[in-house]
Structure formats: C-alpha cells, structure tokens
Amino acid sequence: MELIESLELNDFISIPVLLTIQGKEEEDKPAWMEKVVQRVELCPDGTHIRLYFDSLHFIAFPKDSVVSRKENTWSAFDQETFLTYLMEKKGEDSHD
C-alpha cells in the first residue's frame, strides 16, 4: 500500500481525467482518452500498477517507472520501453 500511496495518484481518482501513453519524441502521438480512474492496485505478480476504470478495464505501468507530478499532470516513465504514461485532470489547461 505504501508504494501506491507514494505515486501521488489520490488527486486523480474518481474525477474526469485525460490519459495517453506516448513513445519516443519522434513517434506519432496517440489521442488523449477521457476516463475516470476508480481504483489503483498492484497487479497479481507485483510488477505493475493498475489504474482501473471499472471492474474489468485498466491500464498498467511498471511499478519501477519514474513517476513525476506537476500541478494537474501526473506521469510515469518506463525506462525499459521508453513509454510515458500521462494523466491530466480534465479542465481548462488540459487536452480536451
């Protein structure tokens, strides 16, 4: 539980957020998706953190990703795959 609390995700749960997963700078940028994160859990094998949108659907990022938080934006960078998981609170300065 301490690991999940250290990720600073509490402010992003149960509110509308925008999510995307981006690769390297030169790669195409995927669309931002509007979601509501219902809960955050460690996956069964303990290697990833899951962000659940309902009882079945989730995205997962490696638990050893480099996490950062800047105002209304949260990110996790996976140094192995070079993927960045981005989440923003939906609002005036977001990608909506």
PDB file of N, CA and C in Angstrom:
ATOM      1  N   MET A   1       0.815  -1.197   0.000  1.00  0.00           N
ATOM      2  CA  MET A   1       0.000   0.000   0.000  1.00  0.00           C
ATOM      3  C   MET A   1       0.858   1.261   0.000  1.00  0.00           C
ATOM      4  N   GLU A   2       1.998   1.215   0.685  1.00  0.00           N
ATOM      5  CA  GLU A   2       2.879   2.378   0.709  1.00  0.00           C
ATOM      6  C   GLU A   2       3.340   2.755  -0.692  1.00  0.00           C
ATOM      7  N   LEU A   3       3.623   1.742  -1.522  1.00  0.00           N
ATOM      8  CA  LEU A   3       4.070   2.013  -2.888  1.00  0.00           C
ATOM      9  C   LEU A   3       3.013   2.810  -3.634  1.00  0.00           C
ATOM     10  N   ILE A   4       1.773   2.383  -3.578  1.00  0.00           N
ATOM     11  CA  ILE A   4       0.698   3.071  -4.288  1.00  0.00           C
ATOM     12  C   ILE A   4       0.510   4.486  -3.742  1.00  0.00           C
ATOM     13  N   GLU A   5       0.564   4.654  -2.442  1.00  0.00           N
ATOM     14  CA  GLU A   5       0.422   5.989  -1.850  1.00  0.00           C
ATOM     15  C   GLU A   5       1.560   6.912  -2.278  1.00  0.00           C
ATOM     16  N   SER A   6       2.755   6.364  -2.465  1.00  0.00           N
ATOM     17  CA  SER A   6       3.904   7.178  -2.861  1.00  0.00           C
ATOM     18  C   SER A   6       3.805   7.673  -4.302  1.00  0.00           C
ATOM     19  N   LEU A   7       2.890   7.131  -5.095  1.00  0.00           N
ATOM     20  CA  LEU A   7       2.757   7.510  -6.502  1.00  0.00           C
ATOM     21  C   LEU A   7       1.983   8.804  -6.703  1.00  0.00           C
ATOM     22  N   GLU A   8       1.428   9.369  -5.642  1.00  0.00           N
ATOM     23  CA  GLU A   8       0.700  10.639  -5.689  1.00  0.00           C
ATOM     24  C   GLU A   8      -0.479  10.610  -6.660  1.00  0.00           C
ATOM     25  N   LEU A   9      -1.245   9.526  -6.635  1.00  0.00           N
ATOM     26  CA  LEU A   9      -2.387   9.374  -7.528  1.00  0.00           C
ATOM     27  C   LEU A   9      -3.720   9.736  -6.900  1.00  0.00           C
ATOM     28  N   ASN A  10      -3.776   9.948  -5.603  1.00  0.00           N
ATOM     29  CA  ASN A  10      -5.049  10.180  -4.916  1.00  0.00           C
ATOM     30  C   ASN A  10      -5.872  11.308  -5.524  1.00  0.00           C
ATOM     31  N   ASP A  11      -5.230  12.379  -5.970  1.00  0.00           N
ATOM     32  CA  ASP A  11      -5.952  13.522  -6.547  1.00  0.00           C
ATOM     33  C   ASP A  11      -6.557  13.214  -7.916  1.00  0.00           C
ATOM     34  N   PHE A  12      -6.224  12.067  -8.509  1.00  0.00           N
ATOM     35  CA  PHE A  12      -6.685  11.727  -9.851  1.00  0.00           C
ATOM     36  C   PHE A  12      -7.748  10.626  -9.839  1.00  0.00           C
ATOM     37  N   ILE A  13      -8.163  10.191  -8.661  1.00  0.00           N
ATOM     38  CA  ILE A  13      -9.136   9.108  -8.550  1.00  0.00           C
ATOM     39  C   ILE A  13     -10.547   9.688  -8.413  1.00  0.00           C
ATOM     40  N   SER A  14     -11.468   9.081  -9.137  1.00  0.00           N
ATOM     41  CA  SER A  14     -12.904   9.415  -9.094  1.00  0.00           C
ATOM     42  C   SER A  14     -13.243  10.784  -9.667  1.00  0.00           C
ATOM     43  N   ILE A  15     -12.388  11.327 -10.510  1.00  0.00           N
ATOM     44  CA  ILE A  15     -12.683  12.569 -11.220  1.00  0.00           C
ATOM     45  C   ILE A  15     -12.357  12.357 -12.696  1.00  0.00           C
ATOM     46  N   PRO A  16     -12.932  13.154 -13.604  1.00  0.00           N
ATOM     47  CA  PRO A  16     -12.589  13.019 -15.021  1.00  0.00           C
ATOM     48  C   PRO A  16     -11.124  13.390 -15.257  1.00  0.00           C
ATOM     49  N   VAL A  17     -10.418  12.501 -15.939  1.00  0.00           N
ATOM     50  CA  VAL A  17      -9.027  12.746 -16.306  1.00  0.00           C
ATOM     51  C   VAL A  17      -8.833  12.413 -17.779  1.00  0.00           C
ATOM     52  N   LEU A  18      -7.757  12.920 -18.328  1.00  0.00           N
ATOM     53  CA  LEU A  18      -7.354  12.583 -19.686  1.00  0.00           C
ATOM     54  C   LEU A  18      -6.102  11.728 -19.588  1.00  0.00           C
ATOM     55  N   LEU A  19      -6.063  10.649 -20.374  1.00  0.00           N
ATOM     56  CA  LEU A  19      -4.942   9.706 -20.349  1.00  0.00           C
ATOM     57  C   LEU A  19      -4.380   9.501 -21.736  1.00  0.00           C
ATOM     58  N   THR A  20      -3.089   9.265 -21.796  1.00  0.00           N
ATOM     59  CA  THR A  20      -2.440   8.859 -23.030  1.00  0.00           C
ATOM     60  C   THR A  20      -1.161   8.114 -22.677  1.00  0.00           C
ATOM     61  N   ILE A  21      -0.682   7.322 -23.616  1.00  0.00           N
ATOM     62  CA  ILE A  21       0.606   6.639 -23.469  1.00  0.00           C
ATOM     63  C   ILE A  21       1.425   7.036 -24.689  1.00  0.00           C
ATOM     64  N   GLN A  22       2.561   7.663 -24.438  1.00  0.00           N
ATOM     65  CA  GLN A  22       3.384   8.172 -25.534  1.00  0.00           C
ATOM     66  C   GLN A  22       4.727   7.459 -25.595  1.00  0.00           C
ATOM     67  N   GLY A  23       5.234   7.326 -26.825  1.00  0.00           N
ATOM     68  CA  GLY A  23       6.538   6.728 -27.049  1.00  0.00           C
ATOM     69  C   GLY A  23       7.597   7.802 -27.170  1.00  0.00           C
ATOM     70  N   LYS A  24       8.620   7.492 -27.931  1.00  0.00           N
ATOM     71  CA  LYS A  24       9.715   8.443 -28.128  1.00  0.00           C
ATOM     72  C   LYS A  24       9.229   9.690 -28.856  1.00  0.00           C
ATOM     73  N   GLU A  25       9.983  10.762 -28.706  1.00  0.00           N
ATOM     74  CA  GLU A  25       9.607  12.072 -29.248  1.00  0.00           C
ATOM     75  C   GLU A  25       9.261  12.026 -30.737  1.00  0.00           C
ATOM     76  N   GLU A  26       9.995  11.245 -31.528  1.00  0.00           N
ATOM     77  CA  GLU A  26       9.788  11.229 -32.977  1.00  0.00           C
ATOM     78  C   GLU A  26       8.605  10.351 -33.408  1.00  0.00           C
ATOM     79  N   GLU A  27       8.007   9.620 -32.493  1.00  0.00           N
ATOM     80  CA  GLU A  27       6.888   8.751 -32.824  1.00  0.00           C
ATOM     81  C   GLU A  27       5.569   9.526 -32.851  1.00  0.00           C
ATOM     82  N   ASP A  28       4.587   8.982 -33.559  1.00  0.00           N
ATOM     83  CA  ASP A  28       3.256   9.586 -33.589  1.00  0.00           C
ATOM     84  C   ASP A  28       2.701   9.665 -32.178  1.00  0.00           C
ATOM     85  N   LYS A  29       1.903  10.680 -31.939  1.00  0.00           N
ATOM     86  CA  LYS A  29       1.291  10.879 -30.623  1.00  0.00           C
ATOM     87  C   LYS A  29      -0.137  10.324 -30.640  1.00  0.00           C
ATOM     88  N   PRO A  30      -0.451   9.411 -29.733  1.00  0.00           N
ATOM     89  CA  PRO A  30      -1.824   8.888 -29.677  1.00  0.00           C
ATOM     90  C   PRO A  30      -2.788   9.917 -29.103  1.00  0.00           C
ATOM     91  N   ALA A  31      -4.048   9.676 -29.321  1.00  0.00           N
ATOM     92  CA  ALA A  31      -5.092  10.566 -28.800  1.00  0.00           C
ATOM     93  C   ALA A  31      -5.167  10.464 -27.282  1.00  0.00           C
ATOM     94  N   TRP A  32      -5.658  11.519 -26.666  1.00  0.00           N
ATOM     95  CA  TRP A  32      -5.949  11.524 -25.234  1.00  0.00           C
ATOM     96  C   TRP A  32      -7.345  10.936 -25.057  1.00  0.00           C
ATOM     97  N   MET A  33      -7.527  10.098 -24.047  1.00  0.00           N
ATOM     98  CA  MET A  33      -8.814   9.474 -23.746  1.00  0.00           C
ATOM     99  C   MET A  33      -9.348  10.046 -22.444  1.00  0.00           C
ATOM    100  N   GLU A  34     -10.642  10.334 -22.416  1.00  0.00           N
ATOM    101  CA  GLU A  34     -11.248  10.778 -21.165  1.00  0.00           C
ATOM    102  C   GLU A  34     -11.704   9.548 -20.382  1.00  0.00           C
ATOM    103  N   LYS A  35     -11.272   9.451 -19.146  1.00  0.00           N
ATOM    104  CA  LYS A  35     -11.602   8.322 -18.277  1.00  0.00           C
ATOM    105  C   LYS A  35     -11.801   8.808 -16.851  1.00  0.00           C
ATOM    106  N   VAL A  36     -12.311   7.923 -16.016  1.00  0.00           N
ATOM    107  CA  VAL A  36     -12.380   8.151 -14.570  1.00  0.00           C
ATOM    108  C   VAL A  36     -11.706   6.950 -13.923  1.00  0.00           C
ATOM    109  N   VAL A  37     -10.613   7.181 -13.221  1.00  0.00           N
ATOM    110  CA  VAL A  37      -9.906   6.105 -12.532  1.00  0.00           C
ATOM    111  C   VAL A  37     -10.685   5.797 -11.254  1.00  0.00           C
ATOM    112  N   GLN A  38     -11.143   4.552 -11.146  1.00  0.00           N
ATOM    113  CA  GLN A  38     -11.940   4.147  -9.985  1.00  0.00           C
ATOM    114  C   GLN A  38     -11.081   3.677  -8.816  1.00  0.00           C
ATOM    115  N   ARG A  39      -9.987   2.972  -9.145  1.00  0.00           N
ATOM    116  CA  ARG A  39      -9.106   2.474  -8.087  1.00  0.00           C
ATOM    117  C   ARG A  39      -7.726   2.178  -8.658  1.00  0.00           C
ATOM    118  N   VAL A  40      -6.746   2.064  -7.766  1.00  0.00           N
ATOM    119  CA  VAL A  40      -5.364   1.784  -8.132  1.00  0.00           C
ATOM    120  C   VAL A  40      -4.916   0.573  -7.327  1.00  0.00           C
ATOM    121  N   GLU A  41      -4.360  -0.433  -8.025  1.00  0.00           N
ATOM    122  CA  GLU A  41      -3.933  -1.656  -7.352  1.00  0.00           C
ATOM    123  C   GLU A  41      -2.648  -2.186  -7.957  1.00  0.00           C
ATOM    124  N   LEU A  42      -1.911  -2.927  -7.156  1.00  0.00           N
ATOM    125  CA  LEU A  42      -0.746  -3.660  -7.632  1.00  0.00           C
ATOM    126  C   LEU A  42      -1.255  -4.893  -8.372  1.00  0.00           C
ATOM    127  N   CYS A  43      -0.651  -5.240  -9.515  1.00  0.00           N
ATOM    128  CA  CYS A  43      -1.088  -6.422 -10.251  1.00  0.00           C
ATOM    129  C   CYS A  43      -0.720  -7.687  -9.460  1.00  0.00           C
ATOM    130  N   PRO A  44      -1.350  -8.817  -9.788  1.00  0.00           N
ATOM    131  CA  PRO A  44      -1.125 -10.039  -9.018  1.00  0.00           C
ATOM    132  C   PRO A  44       0.341 -10.480  -8.918  1.00  0.00           C
ATOM    133  N   ASP A  45       1.124 -10.275  -9.974  1.00  0.00           N
ATOM    134  CA  ASP A  45       2.532 -10.706  -9.893  1.00  0.00           C
ATOM    135  C   ASP A  45       3.447  -9.643  -9.292  1.00  0.00           C
ATOM    136  N   GLY A  46       2.874  -8.480  -8.935  1.00  0.00           N
ATOM    137  CA  GLY A  46       3.629  -7.444  -8.242  1.00  0.00           C
ATOM    138  C   GLY A  46       4.562  -6.613  -9.094  1.00  0.00           C
ATOM    139  N   THR A  47       4.447  -6.691 -10.423  1.00  0.00           N
ATOM    140  CA  THR A  47       5.373  -5.972 -11.301  1.00  0.00           C
ATOM    141  C   THR A  47       4.817  -4.656 -11.843  1.00  0.00           C
ATOM    142  N   HIS A  48       3.502  -4.506 -11.852  1.00  0.00           N
ATOM    143  CA  HIS A  48       2.867  -3.339 -12.446  1.00  0.00           C
ATOM    144  C   HIS A  48       1.834  -2.745 -11.499  1.00  0.00           C
ATOM    145  N   ILE A  49       1.521  -1.473 -11.731  1.00  0.00           N
ATOM    146  CA  ILE A  49       0.441  -0.779 -11.050  1.00  0.00           C
ATOM    147  C   ILE A  49      -0.711  -0.669 -12.042  1.00  0.00           C
ATOM    148  N   ARG A  50      -1.889  -1.049 -11.609  1.00  0.00           N
ATOM    149  CA  ARG A  50      -3.067  -0.991 -12.474  1.00  0.00           C
ATOM    150  C   ARG A  50      -3.940   0.194 -12.092  1.00  0.00           C
ATOM    151  N   LEU A  51      -4.379   0.933 -13.113  1.00  0.00           N
ATOM    152  CA  LEU A  51      -5.355   2.013 -12.958  1.00  0.00           C
ATOM    153  C   LEU A  51      -6.668   1.487 -13.543  1.00  0.00           C
ATOM    154  N   TYR A  52      -7.618   1.172 -12.675  1.00  0.00           N
ATOM    155  CA  TYR A  52      -8.903   0.601 -13.104  1.00  0.00           C
ATOM    156  C   TYR A  52      -9.908   1.690 -13.425  1.00  0.00           C
ATOM    157  N   PHE A  53     -10.622   1.505 -14.575  1.00  0.00           N
ATOM    158  CA  PHE A  53     -11.678   2.413 -14.994  1.00  0.00           C
ATOM    159  C   PHE A  53     -13.053   1.869 -14.599  1.00  0.00           C
ATOM    160  N   ASP A  54     -13.123   0.579 -14.394  1.00  0.00           N
ATOM    161  CA  ASP A  54     -14.319  -0.109 -13.893  1.00  0.00           C
ATOM    162  C   ASP A  54     -13.834  -1.432 -13.325  1.00  0.00           C
ATOM    163  N   SER A  55     -14.704  -2.396 -13.146  1.00  0.00           N
ATOM    164  CA  SER A  55     -14.290  -3.644 -12.503  1.00  0.00           C
ATOM    165  C   SER A  55     -13.413  -4.524 -13.393  1.00  0.00           C
ATOM    166  N   LEU A  56     -13.391  -4.283 -14.703  1.00  0.00           N
ATOM    167  CA  LEU A  56     -12.615  -5.123 -15.622  1.00  0.00           C
ATOM    168  C   LEU A  56     -11.504  -4.400 -16.376  1.00  0.00           C
ATOM    169  N   HIS A  57     -11.712  -3.160 -16.749  1.00  0.00           N
ATOM    170  CA  HIS A  57     -10.812  -2.451 -17.659  1.00  0.00           C
ATOM    171  C   HIS A  57      -9.794  -1.591 -16.911  1.00  0.00           C
ATOM    172  N   PHE A  58      -8.547  -1.710 -17.353  1.00  0.00           N
ATOM    173  CA  PHE A  58      -7.466  -0.969 -16.703  1.00  0.00           C
ATOM    174  C   PHE A  58      -6.323  -0.763 -17.683  1.00  0.00           C
ATOM    175  N   ILE A  59      -5.412   0.136 -17.334  1.00  0.00           N
ATOM    176  CA  ILE A  59      -4.101   0.192 -17.965  1.00  0.00           C
ATOM    177  C   ILE A  59      -3.103  -0.067 -16.841  1.00  0.00           C
ATOM    178  N   ALA A  60      -1.927  -0.545 -17.209  1.00  0.00           N
ATOM    179  CA  ALA A  60      -0.914  -0.864 -16.203  1.00  0.00           C
ATOM    180  C   ALA A  60       0.426  -0.298 -16.643  1.00  0.00           C
ATOM    181  N   PHE A  61       1.187   0.166 -15.665  1.00  0.00           N
ATOM    182  CA  PHE A  61       2.537   0.645 -15.935  1.00  0.00           C
ATOM    183  C   PHE A  61       3.482  -0.031 -14.944  1.00  0.00           C
ATOM    184  N   PRO A  62       4.743  -0.240 -15.331  1.00  0.00           N
ATOM    185  CA  PRO A  62       5.688  -0.910 -14.438  1.00  0.00           C
ATOM    186  C   PRO A  62       5.850  -0.159 -13.124  1.00  0.00           C
ATOM    187  N   LYS A  63       5.888  -0.889 -12.021  1.00  0.00           N
ATOM    188  CA  LYS A  63       5.965  -0.238 -10.719  1.00  0.00           C
ATOM    189  C   LYS A  63       7.290   0.477 -10.496  1.00  0.00           C
ATOM    190  N   ASP A  64       8.311   0.136 -11.281  1.00  0.00           N
ATOM    191  CA  ASP A  64       9.601   0.824 -11.136  1.00  0.00           C
ATOM    192  C   ASP A  64       9.759   1.991 -12.107  1.00  0.00           C
ATOM    193  N   SER A  65       8.650   2.436 -12.692  1.00  0.00           N
ATOM    194  CA  SER A  65       8.682   3.616 -13.568  1.00  0.00           C
ATOM    195  C   SER A  65       9.055   4.852 -12.756  1.00  0.00           C
ATOM    196  N   VAL A  66       9.612   5.839 -13.459  1.00  0.00           N
ATOM    197  CA  VAL A  66       9.962   7.114 -12.821  1.00  0.00           C
ATOM    198  C   VAL A  66       8.706   7.982 -12.832  1.00  0.00           C
ATOM    199  N   VAL A  67       8.173   8.256 -11.658  1.00  0.00           N
ATOM    200  CA  VAL A  67       6.919   8.994 -11.520  1.00  0.00           C
ATOM    201  C   VAL A  67       7.205  10.449 -11.194  1.00  0.00           C
ATOM    202  N   SER A  68       6.436  11.340 -11.835  1.00  0.00           N
ATOM    203  CA  SER A  68       6.557  12.758 -11.501  1.00  0.00           C
ATOM    204  C   SER A  68       5.162  13.380 -11.489  1.00  0.00           C
ATOM    205  N   ARG A  69       5.068  14.468 -10.769  1.00  0.00           N
ATOM    206  CA  ARG A  69       3.792  15.185 -10.639  1.00  0.00           C
ATOM    207  C   ARG A  69       4.086  16.662 -10.733  1.00  0.00           C
ATOM    208  N   LYS A  70       3.358  17.334 -11.606  1.00  0.00           N
ATOM    209  CA  LYS A  70       3.500  18.775 -11.765  1.00  0.00           C
ATOM    210  C   LYS A  70       2.105  19.367 -11.886  1.00  0.00           C
ATOM    211  N   GLU A  71       1.649  20.024 -10.828  1.00  0.00           N
ATOM    212  CA  GLU A  71       0.316  20.614 -10.752  1.00  0.00           C
ATOM    213  C   GLU A  71      -0.760  19.586 -11.098  1.00  0.00           C
ATOM    214  N   ASN A  72      -1.442  19.739 -12.226  1.00  0.00           N
ATOM    215  CA  ASN A  72      -2.543  18.852 -12.599  1.00  0.00           C
ATOM    216  C   ASN A  72      -2.139  17.727 -13.534  1.00  0.00           C
ATOM    217  N   THR A  73      -0.839  17.498 -13.696  1.00  0.00           N
ATOM    218  CA  THR A  73      -0.343  16.459 -14.586  1.00  0.00           C
ATOM    219  C   THR A  73       0.480  15.443 -13.804  1.00  0.00           C
ATOM    220  N   TRP A  74       0.224  14.180 -14.072  1.00  0.00           N
ATOM    221  CA  TRP A  74       0.945  13.071 -13.460  1.00  0.00           C
ATOM    222  C   TRP A  74       1.552  12.255 -14.595  1.00  0.00           C
ATOM    223  N   SER A  75       2.768  11.761 -14.416  1.00  0.00           N
ATOM    224  CA  SER A  75       3.377  10.920 -15.440  1.00  0.00           C
ATOM    225  C   SER A  75       4.219   9.822 -14.820  1.00  0.00           C
ATOM    226  N   ALA A  76       4.344   8.736 -15.573  1.00  0.00           N
ATOM    227  CA  ALA A  76       5.206   7.621 -15.198  1.00  0.00           C
ATOM    228  C   ALA A  76       6.000   7.257 -16.447  1.00  0.00           C
ATOM    229  N   PHE A  77       7.329   7.274 -16.339  1.00  0.00           N
ATOM    230  CA  PHE A  77       8.194   6.962 -17.472  1.00  0.00           C
ATOM    231  C   PHE A  77       8.826   5.593 -17.270  1.00  0.00           C
ATOM    232  N   ASP A  78       8.598   4.700 -18.223  1.00  0.00           N
ATOM    233  CA  ASP A  78       9.178   3.357 -18.193  1.00  0.00           C
ATOM    234  C   ASP A  78      10.506   3.404 -18.944  1.00  0.00           C
ATOM    235  N   GLN A  79      11.609   3.305 -18.224  1.00  0.00           N
ATOM    236  CA  GLN A  79      12.943   3.425 -18.811  1.00  0.00           C
ATOM    237  C   GLN A  79      13.300   2.251 -19.711  1.00  0.00           C
ATOM    238  N   GLU A  80      12.621   1.135 -19.563  1.00  0.00           N
ATOM    239  CA  GLU A  80      12.905  -0.036 -20.390  1.00  0.00           C
ATOM    240  C   GLU A  80      12.272   0.070 -21.775  1.00  0.00           C
ATOM    241  N   THR A  81      11.026   0.535 -21.835  1.00  0.00           N
ATOM    242  CA  THR A  81      10.313   0.612 -23.112  1.00  0.00           C
ATOM    243  C   THR A  81      10.274   2.023 -23.689  1.00  0.00           C
ATOM    244  N   PHE A  82      10.711   3.006 -22.909  1.00  0.00           N
ATOM    245  CA  PHE A  82      10.668   4.422 -23.288  1.00  0.00           C
ATOM    246  C   PHE A  82       9.243   4.924 -23.491  1.00  0.00           C
ATOM    247  N   LEU A  83       8.290   4.322 -22.786  1.00  0.00           N
ATOM    248  CA  LEU A  83       6.908   4.786 -22.829  1.00  0.00           C
ATOM    249  C   LEU A  83       6.642   5.715 -21.655  1.00  0.00           C
ATOM    250  N   THR A  84       5.851   6.752 -21.913  1.00  0.00           N
ATOM    251  CA  THR A  84       5.434   7.678 -20.870  1.00  0.00           C
ATOM    252  C   THR A  84       3.924   7.595 -20.734  1.00  0.00           C
ATOM    253  N   TYR A  85       3.468   7.309 -19.535  1.00  0.00           N
ATOM    254  CA  TYR A  85       2.051   7.237 -19.202  1.00  0.00           C
ATOM    255  C   TYR A  85       1.677   8.592 -18.610  1.00  0.00           C
ATOM    256  N   LEU A  86       0.786   9.308 -19.277  1.00  0.00           N
ATOM    257  CA  LEU A  86       0.414  10.664 -18.854  1.00  0.00           C
ATOM    258  C   LEU A  86      -1.039  10.721 -18.439  1.00  0.00           C
ATOM    259  N   MET A  87      -1.306  11.478 -17.385  1.00  0.00           N
ATOM    260  CA  MET A  87      -2.666  11.689 -16.916  1.00  0.00           C
ATOM    261  C   MET A  87      -2.783  13.145 -16.486  1.00  0.00           C
ATOM    262  N   GLU A  88      -3.857  13.784 -16.939  1.00  0.00           N
ATOM    263  CA  GLU A  88      -4.131  15.173 -16.571  1.00  0.00           C
ATOM    264  C   GLU A  88      -5.546  15.281 -16.047  1.00  0.00           C
ATOM    265  N   LYS A  89      -5.719  16.128 -15.053  1.00  0.00           N
ATOM    266  CA  LYS A  89      -7.062  16.436 -14.605  1.00  0.00           C
ATOM    267  C   LYS A  89      -7.762  17.175 -15.732  1.00  0.00           C
ATOM    268  N   LYS A  90      -8.982  16.794 -16.030  1.00  0.00           N
ATOM    269  CA  LYS A  90      -9.730  17.448 -17.109  1.00  0.00           C
ATOM    270  C   LYS A  90     -10.079  18.858 -16.667  1.00  0.00           C
ATOM    271  N   GLY A  91      -9.777  19.827 -17.505  1.00  0.00           N
ATOM    272  CA  GLY A  91     -10.058  21.205 -17.153  1.00  0.00           C
ATOM    273  C   GLY A  91      -9.573  22.160 -18.223  1.00  0.00           C
ATOM    274  N   GLU A  92      -9.453  23.418 -17.866  1.00  0.00           N
ATOM    275  CA  GLU A  92      -9.119  24.475 -18.816  1.00  0.00           C
ATOM    276  C   GLU A  92      -7.782  24.264 -19.522  1.00  0.00           C
ATOM    277  N   ASP A  93      -6.765  23.790 -18.816  1.00  0.00           N
ATOM    278  CA  ASP A  93      -5.445  23.676 -19.416  1.00  0.00           C
ATOM    279  C   ASP A  93      -5.144  22.295 -19.941  1.00  0.00           C
ATOM    280  N   SER A  94      -6.151  21.427 -20.051  1.00  0.00           N
ATOM    281  CA  SER A  94      -5.915  20.053 -20.490  1.00  0.00           C
ATOM    282  C   SER A  94      -6.099  19.926 -21.990  1.00  0.00           C
ATOM    283  N   HIS A  95      -5.963  18.703 -22.487  1.00  0.00           N
ATOM    284  CA  HIS A  95      -6.012  18.409 -23.918  1.00  0.00           C
ATOM    285  C   HIS A  95      -7.421  18.093 -24.404  1.00  0.00           C
ATOM    286  N   ASP A  96      -8.454  18.588 -23.717  1.00  0.00           N
ATOM    287  CA  ASP A  96      -9.824  18.266 -24.137  1.00  0.00           C
ATOM    288  C   ASP A  96     -10.331  19.181 -25.223  1.00  0.00           C
TER     289      ASP A  96
END
